[in-house]
Amino acid sequence: MRREPIIMTASMGAADQAWANALRRAHYPPERNVLDAHVTLFHHLPGAYEAEAVARSKALVAEFAAPDARLSEVMNLGRGVAYRIHSPGLLAIRDMMAEGLHGLLTAQDQGQPRLHITVQNKVEPAAAKALLQQLSAEFLPRPIAITGLALHRYMGGPWEPIGDWRFRGKQRA
């Protein structure tokens, strides 16, 4: 039985993924940039419940259509910068997943997340502030494609993919 923690993310459309990855390559410290850009929904699901997490993910994407989502602002992370995502539908789908995993969630995952894409982290505050000003000056809110749910095993650095399932349902969350 696998014991590594599981991370759940929302998948982005190809164009948005390429855009976010390019920003991350440009601004994330290269020695720390071991992941593609991502939208974390859960930071630490118990690895022993992988089969249940997979089944619940597949059920949610089968039931629900891709939720509407928008990049709403540039966020200051103190030692980094991210783009905030506004998506009540994605948060509702995440809440359904959380309900099914009641009693298994860490304190961090029990609260409502601030959906975002991190493009810079673990830098000096002055560097983060400069990038925040630069990105904020050119930022316009816009839609972002959220296409599915993905699960990954946390391996201490890079993640090992478990699966990535596309929304195909007809119902909006």
C-alpha atoms as a PDB file:
ATOM      1  CA  MET A   1       0.000   0.000   0.000  1.00  0.00           C
ATOM      2  CA  ARG A   2       1.372   3.425  -0.981  1.00  0.00           C
ATOM      3  CA  ARG A   3       1.943   5.823   1.886  1.00  0.00           C
ATOM      4  CA  GLU A   4       3.193   8.967   0.100  1.00  0.00           C
ATOM      5  CA  PRO A   5       0.823  11.921   0.523  1.00  0.00           C
ATOM      6  CA  ILE A   6      -1.443  12.728  -2.412  1.00  0.00           C
ATOM      7  CA  ILE A   7      -1.820  16.215  -3.844  1.00  0.00           C
ATOM      8  CA  MET A   8      -4.956  17.121  -5.803  1.00  0.00           C
ATOM      9  CA  THR A   9      -4.807  19.853  -8.427  1.00  0.00           C
ATOM     10  CA  ALA A  10      -7.146  21.367 -10.984  1.00  0.00           C
ATOM     11  CA  SER A  11      -5.853  20.920 -14.539  1.00  0.00           C
ATOM     12  CA  MET A  12      -5.587  23.922 -16.850  1.00  0.00           C
ATOM     13  CA  GLY A  13      -6.208  24.106 -20.582  1.00  0.00           C
ATOM     14  CA  ALA A  14      -3.104  23.732 -22.771  1.00  0.00           C
ATOM     15  CA  ALA A  15      -2.763  27.457 -23.591  1.00  0.00           C
ATOM     16  CA  ASP A  16      -3.150  28.537 -19.957  1.00  0.00           C
ATOM     17  CA  GLN A  17      -0.753  25.811 -18.804  1.00  0.00           C
ATOM     18  CA  ALA A  18       1.883  26.973 -21.319  1.00  0.00           C
ATOM     19  CA  TRP A  19       1.418  30.620 -20.243  1.00  0.00           C
ATOM     20  CA  ALA A  20       1.744  29.775 -16.537  1.00  0.00           C
ATOM     21  CA  ASN A  21       4.742  27.481 -17.097  1.00  0.00           C
ATOM     22  CA  ALA A  22       6.521  30.225 -19.063  1.00  0.00           C
ATOM     23  CA  LEU A  23       5.976  32.710 -16.214  1.00  0.00           C
ATOM     24  CA  ARG A  24       7.202  30.173 -13.708  1.00  0.00           C
ATOM     25  CA  ARG A  25      10.360  29.457 -15.743  1.00  0.00           C
ATOM     26  CA  ALA A  26      11.018  33.197 -16.024  1.00  0.00           C
ATOM     27  CA  HIS A  27      10.491  34.104 -12.353  1.00  0.00           C
ATOM     28  CA  TYR A  28      10.809  31.045 -10.093  1.00  0.00           C
ATOM     29  CA  PRO A  29      14.287  30.293  -8.716  1.00  0.00           C
ATOM     30  CA  PRO A  30      15.562  27.652 -11.195  1.00  0.00           C
ATOM     31  CA  GLU A  31      16.988  25.381  -8.511  1.00  0.00           C
ATOM     32  CA  ARG A  32      13.563  25.205  -6.836  1.00  0.00           C
ATOM     33  CA  ASN A  33      11.401  25.013  -9.959  1.00  0.00           C
ATOM     34  CA  VAL A  34      10.821  21.256 -10.076  1.00  0.00           C
ATOM     35  CA  LEU A  35       7.093  21.360 -10.928  1.00  0.00           C
ATOM     36  CA  ASP A  36       4.883  22.682 -13.684  1.00  0.00           C
ATOM     37  CA  ALA A  37       2.531  25.502 -12.750  1.00  0.00           C
ATOM     38  CA  HIS A  38      -0.515  24.141 -10.922  1.00  0.00           C
ATOM     39  CA  VAL A  39      -3.688  24.984  -8.998  1.00  0.00           C
ATOM     40  CA  THR A  40      -3.630  23.081  -5.705  1.00  0.00           C
ATOM     41  CA  LEU A  41      -6.961  21.898  -4.321  1.00  0.00           C
ATOM     42  CA  PHE A  42      -5.606  19.625  -1.543  1.00  0.00           C
ATOM     43  CA  HIS A  43      -2.038  19.646  -0.219  1.00  0.00           C
ATOM     44  CA  HIS A  44      -2.001  16.332   1.636  1.00  0.00           C
ATOM     45  CA  LEU A  45      -4.496  13.526   1.159  1.00  0.00           C
ATOM     46  CA  PRO A  46      -3.510  10.275   2.898  1.00  0.00           C
ATOM     47  CA  GLY A  47      -1.707   7.954   0.487  1.00  0.00           C
ATOM     48  CA  ALA A  48      -3.440   4.930   2.002  1.00  0.00           C
ATOM     49  CA  TYR A  49      -6.723   6.245   0.524  1.00  0.00           C
ATOM     50  CA  GLU A  50      -5.445   6.580  -3.045  1.00  0.00           C
ATOM     51  CA  ALA A  51      -8.089   4.257  -4.531  1.00  0.00           C
ATOM     52  CA  GLU A  52     -10.860   6.279  -2.874  1.00  0.00           C
ATOM     53  CA  ALA A  53      -9.353   9.587  -4.050  1.00  0.00           C
ATOM     54  CA  VAL A  54      -9.159   8.252  -7.617  1.00  0.00           C
ATOM     55  CA  ALA A  55     -12.753   6.982  -7.520  1.00  0.00           C
ATOM     56  CA  ARG A  56     -14.078  10.265  -6.116  1.00  0.00           C
ATOM     57  CA  SER A  57     -12.119  12.301  -8.690  1.00  0.00           C
ATOM     58  CA  LYS A  58     -13.498  10.202 -11.555  1.00  0.00           C
ATOM     59  CA  ALA A  59     -17.047  10.528 -10.223  1.00  0.00           C
ATOM     60  CA  LEU A  60     -16.807  14.323  -9.930  1.00  0.00           C
ATOM     61  CA  VAL A  61     -15.475  14.867 -13.454  1.00  0.00           C
ATOM     62  CA  ALA A  62     -18.141  12.512 -14.825  1.00  0.00           C
ATOM     63  CA  GLU A  63     -20.915  14.468 -13.100  1.00  0.00           C
ATOM     64  CA  PHE A  64     -19.772  18.053 -13.595  1.00  0.00           C
ATOM     65  CA  ALA A  65     -18.907  20.240 -16.556  1.00  0.00           C
ATOM     66  CA  ALA A  66     -15.737  22.308 -16.453  1.00  0.00           C
ATOM     67  CA  PRO A  67     -16.341  25.170 -14.003  1.00  0.00           C
ATOM     68  CA  ASP A  68     -16.050  28.780 -15.052  1.00  0.00           C
ATOM     69  CA  ALA A  69     -12.890  30.407 -13.720  1.00  0.00           C
ATOM     70  CA  ARG A  70     -11.178  33.792 -13.991  1.00  0.00           C
ATOM     71  CA  LEU A  71      -7.785  35.170 -13.138  1.00  0.00           C
ATOM     72  CA  SER A  72      -8.925  37.940 -10.811  1.00  0.00           C
ATOM     73  CA  GLU A  73      -5.768  39.622  -9.487  1.00  0.00           C
ATOM     74  CA  VAL A  74      -2.043  39.362  -8.890  1.00  0.00           C
ATOM     75  CA  MET A  75      -1.339  38.205  -5.309  1.00  0.00           C
ATOM     76  CA  ASN A  76       1.522  39.094  -3.010  1.00  0.00           C
ATOM     77  CA  LEU A  77       2.853  35.952  -1.284  1.00  0.00           C
ATOM     78  CA  GLY A  78       5.462  37.893   0.687  1.00  0.00           C
ATOM     79  CA  ARG A  79       8.381  35.991  -0.799  1.00  0.00           C
ATOM     80  CA  GLY A  80       6.665  35.376  -4.124  1.00  0.00           C
ATOM     81  CA  VAL A  81       3.845  36.225  -6.505  1.00  0.00           C
ATOM     82  CA  ALA A  82       0.775  34.352  -7.742  1.00  0.00           C
ATOM     83  CA  TYR A  83      -2.362  34.894  -9.806  1.00  0.00           C
ATOM     84  CA  ARG A  84      -5.592  34.504  -7.833  1.00  0.00           C
ATOM     85  CA  ILE A  85      -8.317  32.414  -9.451  1.00  0.00           C
ATOM     86  CA  HIS A  86     -11.988  33.177  -8.834  1.00  0.00           C
ATOM     87  CA  SER A  87     -14.102  30.051  -9.395  1.00  0.00           C
ATOM     88  CA  PRO A  88     -17.084  29.344  -7.139  1.00  0.00           C
ATOM     89  CA  GLY A  89     -17.817  26.222  -9.223  1.00  0.00           C
ATOM     90  CA  LEU A  90     -14.357  24.761  -8.683  1.00  0.00           C
ATOM     91  CA  LEU A  91     -14.585  25.510  -4.955  1.00  0.00           C
ATOM     92  CA  ALA A  92     -17.975  23.736  -4.846  1.00  0.00           C
ATOM     93  CA  ILE A  93     -16.473  20.656  -6.523  1.00  0.00           C
ATOM     94  CA  ARG A  94     -13.571  20.769  -4.066  1.00  0.00           C
ATOM     95  CA  ASP A  95     -16.066  21.005  -1.179  1.00  0.00           C
ATOM     96  CA  MET A  96     -17.795  17.850  -2.452  1.00  0.00           C
ATOM     97  CA  MET A  97     -14.447  16.057  -2.485  1.00  0.00           C
ATOM     98  CA  ALA A  98     -13.732  17.315   1.051  1.00  0.00           C
ATOM     99  CA  GLU A  99     -17.112  16.072   2.314  1.00  0.00           C
ATOM    100  CA  GLY A 100     -16.311  12.587   1.034  1.00  0.00           C
ATOM    101  CA  LEU A 101     -12.933  12.642   2.791  1.00  0.00           C
ATOM    102  CA  HIS A 102     -14.235  13.911   6.138  1.00  0.00           C
ATOM    103  CA  GLY A 103     -11.877  12.917   8.940  1.00  0.00           C
ATOM    104  CA  LEU A 104      -8.924  12.401   6.587  1.00  0.00           C
ATOM    105  CA  LEU A 105      -7.995  16.032   5.868  1.00  0.00           C
ATOM    106  CA  THR A 106      -5.099  17.916   7.422  1.00  0.00           C
ATOM    107  CA  ALA A 107      -5.810  21.224   9.149  1.00  0.00           C
ATOM    108  CA  GLN A 108      -4.447  23.041   6.072  1.00  0.00           C
ATOM    109  CA  ASP A 109      -6.870  21.201   3.781  1.00  0.00           C
ATOM    110  CA  GLN A 110      -9.921  21.630   6.027  1.00  0.00           C
ATOM    111  CA  GLY A 111     -10.190  25.350   5.269  1.00  0.00           C
ATOM    112  CA  GLN A 112     -11.312  26.994   2.045  1.00  0.00           C
ATOM    113  CA  PRO A 113      -8.269  27.502  -0.198  1.00  0.00           C
ATOM    114  CA  ARG A 114      -7.293  30.703  -1.962  1.00  0.00           C
ATOM    115  CA  LEU A 115      -7.119  29.282  -5.482  1.00  0.00           C
ATOM    116  CA  HIS A 116      -4.014  30.537  -7.266  1.00  0.00           C
ATOM    117  CA  ILE A 117      -1.128  29.817  -9.622  1.00  0.00           C
ATOM    118  CA  THR A 118       2.268  30.553  -8.090  1.00  0.00           C
ATOM    119  CA  VAL A 119       4.754  32.016 -10.582  1.00  0.00           C
ATOM    120  CA  GLN A 120       7.422  33.028  -8.058  1.00  0.00           C
ATOM    121  CA  ASN A 121       8.249  31.830  -4.555  1.00  0.00           C
ATOM    122  CA  LYS A 122      11.112  31.665  -2.058  1.00  0.00           C
ATOM    123  CA  VAL A 123      12.782  34.871  -3.216  1.00  0.00           C
ATOM    124  CA  GLU A 124      13.772  37.985  -1.294  1.00  0.00           C
ATOM    125  CA  PRO A 125      10.774  40.200  -0.462  1.00  0.00           C
ATOM    126  CA  ALA A 126      12.186  43.063  -2.570  1.00  0.00           C
ATOM    127  CA  ALA A 127      12.351  40.828  -5.658  1.00  0.00           C
ATOM    128  CA  ALA A 128       8.792  39.647  -5.043  1.00  0.00           C
ATOM    129  CA  LYS A 129       7.569  43.220  -4.615  1.00  0.00           C
ATOM    130  CA  ALA A 130       9.228  44.268  -7.895  1.00  0.00           C
ATOM    131  CA  LEU A 131       7.600  41.387  -9.803  1.00  0.00           C
ATOM    132  CA  LEU A 132       4.248  42.094  -8.139  1.00  0.00           C
ATOM    133  CA  GLN A 133       4.407  45.695  -9.361  1.00  0.00           C
ATOM    134  CA  GLN A 134       5.435  44.634 -12.869  1.00  0.00           C
ATOM    135  CA  LEU A 135       2.728  41.980 -13.263  1.00  0.00           C
ATOM    136  CA  SER A 136       0.045  44.139 -11.612  1.00  0.00           C
ATOM    137  CA  ALA A 137       0.746  47.022 -14.017  1.00  0.00           C
ATOM    138  CA  GLU A 138      -0.016  44.839 -17.043  1.00  0.00           C
ATOM    139  CA  PHE A 139      -2.710  42.614 -15.498  1.00  0.00           C
ATOM    140  CA  LEU A 140      -6.241  42.398 -16.885  1.00  0.00           C
ATOM    141  CA  PRO A 141      -8.723  39.928 -15.387  1.00  0.00           C
ATOM    142  CA  ARG A 142      -9.506  37.154 -17.849  1.00  0.00           C
ATOM    143  CA  PRO A 143     -10.997  33.678 -18.085  1.00  0.00           C
ATOM    144  CA  ILE A 144      -8.800  30.666 -17.447  1.00  0.00           C
ATOM    145  CA  ALA A 145      -9.689  27.166 -18.609  1.00  0.00           C
ATOM    146  CA  ILE A 146     -10.038  24.598 -15.833  1.00  0.00           C
ATOM    147  CA  THR A 147     -10.301  21.266 -17.617  1.00  0.00           C
ATOM    148  CA  GLY A 148     -10.127  18.533 -15.001  1.00  0.00           C
ATOM    149  CA  LEU A 149      -8.837  17.109 -11.747  1.00  0.00           C
ATOM    150  CA  ALA A 150      -5.453  15.485 -11.225  1.00  0.00           C
ATOM    151  CA  LEU A 151      -3.834  13.492  -8.437  1.00  0.00           C
ATOM    152  CA  HIS A 152      -0.110  13.277  -7.728  1.00  0.00           C
ATOM    153  CA  ARG A 153       2.073  11.464  -5.196  1.00  0.00           C
ATOM    154  CA  TYR A 154       4.336  13.804  -3.245  1.00  0.00           C
ATOM    155  CA  MET A 155       7.840  12.371  -3.555  1.00  0.00           C
ATOM    156  CA  GLY A 156       9.757  14.997  -1.558  1.00  0.00           C
ATOM    157  CA  GLY A 157      10.307  17.251  -4.593  1.00  0.00           C
ATOM    158  CA  PRO A 158       8.929  16.372  -8.016  1.00  0.00           C
ATOM    159  CA  TRP A 159       5.505  14.783  -8.000  1.00  0.00           C
ATOM    160  CA  GLU A 160       4.621  11.406  -9.469  1.00  0.00           C
ATOM    161  CA  PRO A 161       1.399  11.522 -11.519  1.00  0.00           C
ATOM    162  CA  ILE A 162      -1.422   9.214 -10.464  1.00  0.00           C
ATOM    163  CA  GLY A 163      -4.020  10.393 -12.970  1.00  0.00           C
ATOM    164  CA  ASP A 164      -5.594  13.371 -14.727  1.00  0.00           C
ATOM    165  CA  TRP A 165      -9.296  13.243 -15.585  1.00  0.00           C
ATOM    166  CA  ARG A 166     -11.205  15.742 -17.754  1.00  0.00           C
ATOM    167  CA  PHE A 167     -14.554  17.261 -16.817  1.00  0.00           C
ATOM    168  CA  ARG A 168     -17.214  15.764 -19.051  1.00  0.00           C
ATOM    169  CA  GLY A 169     -20.457  16.097 -17.109  1.00  0.00           C
ATOM    170  CA  LYS A 170     -23.370  18.316 -18.035  1.00  0.00           C
ATOM    171  CA  GLN A 171     -24.106  19.750 -14.630  1.00  0.00           C
ATOM    172  CA  ARG A 172     -22.539  23.003 -13.389  1.00  0.00           C
ATOM    173  CA  ALA A 173     -21.377  23.036  -9.793  1.00  0.00           C
END
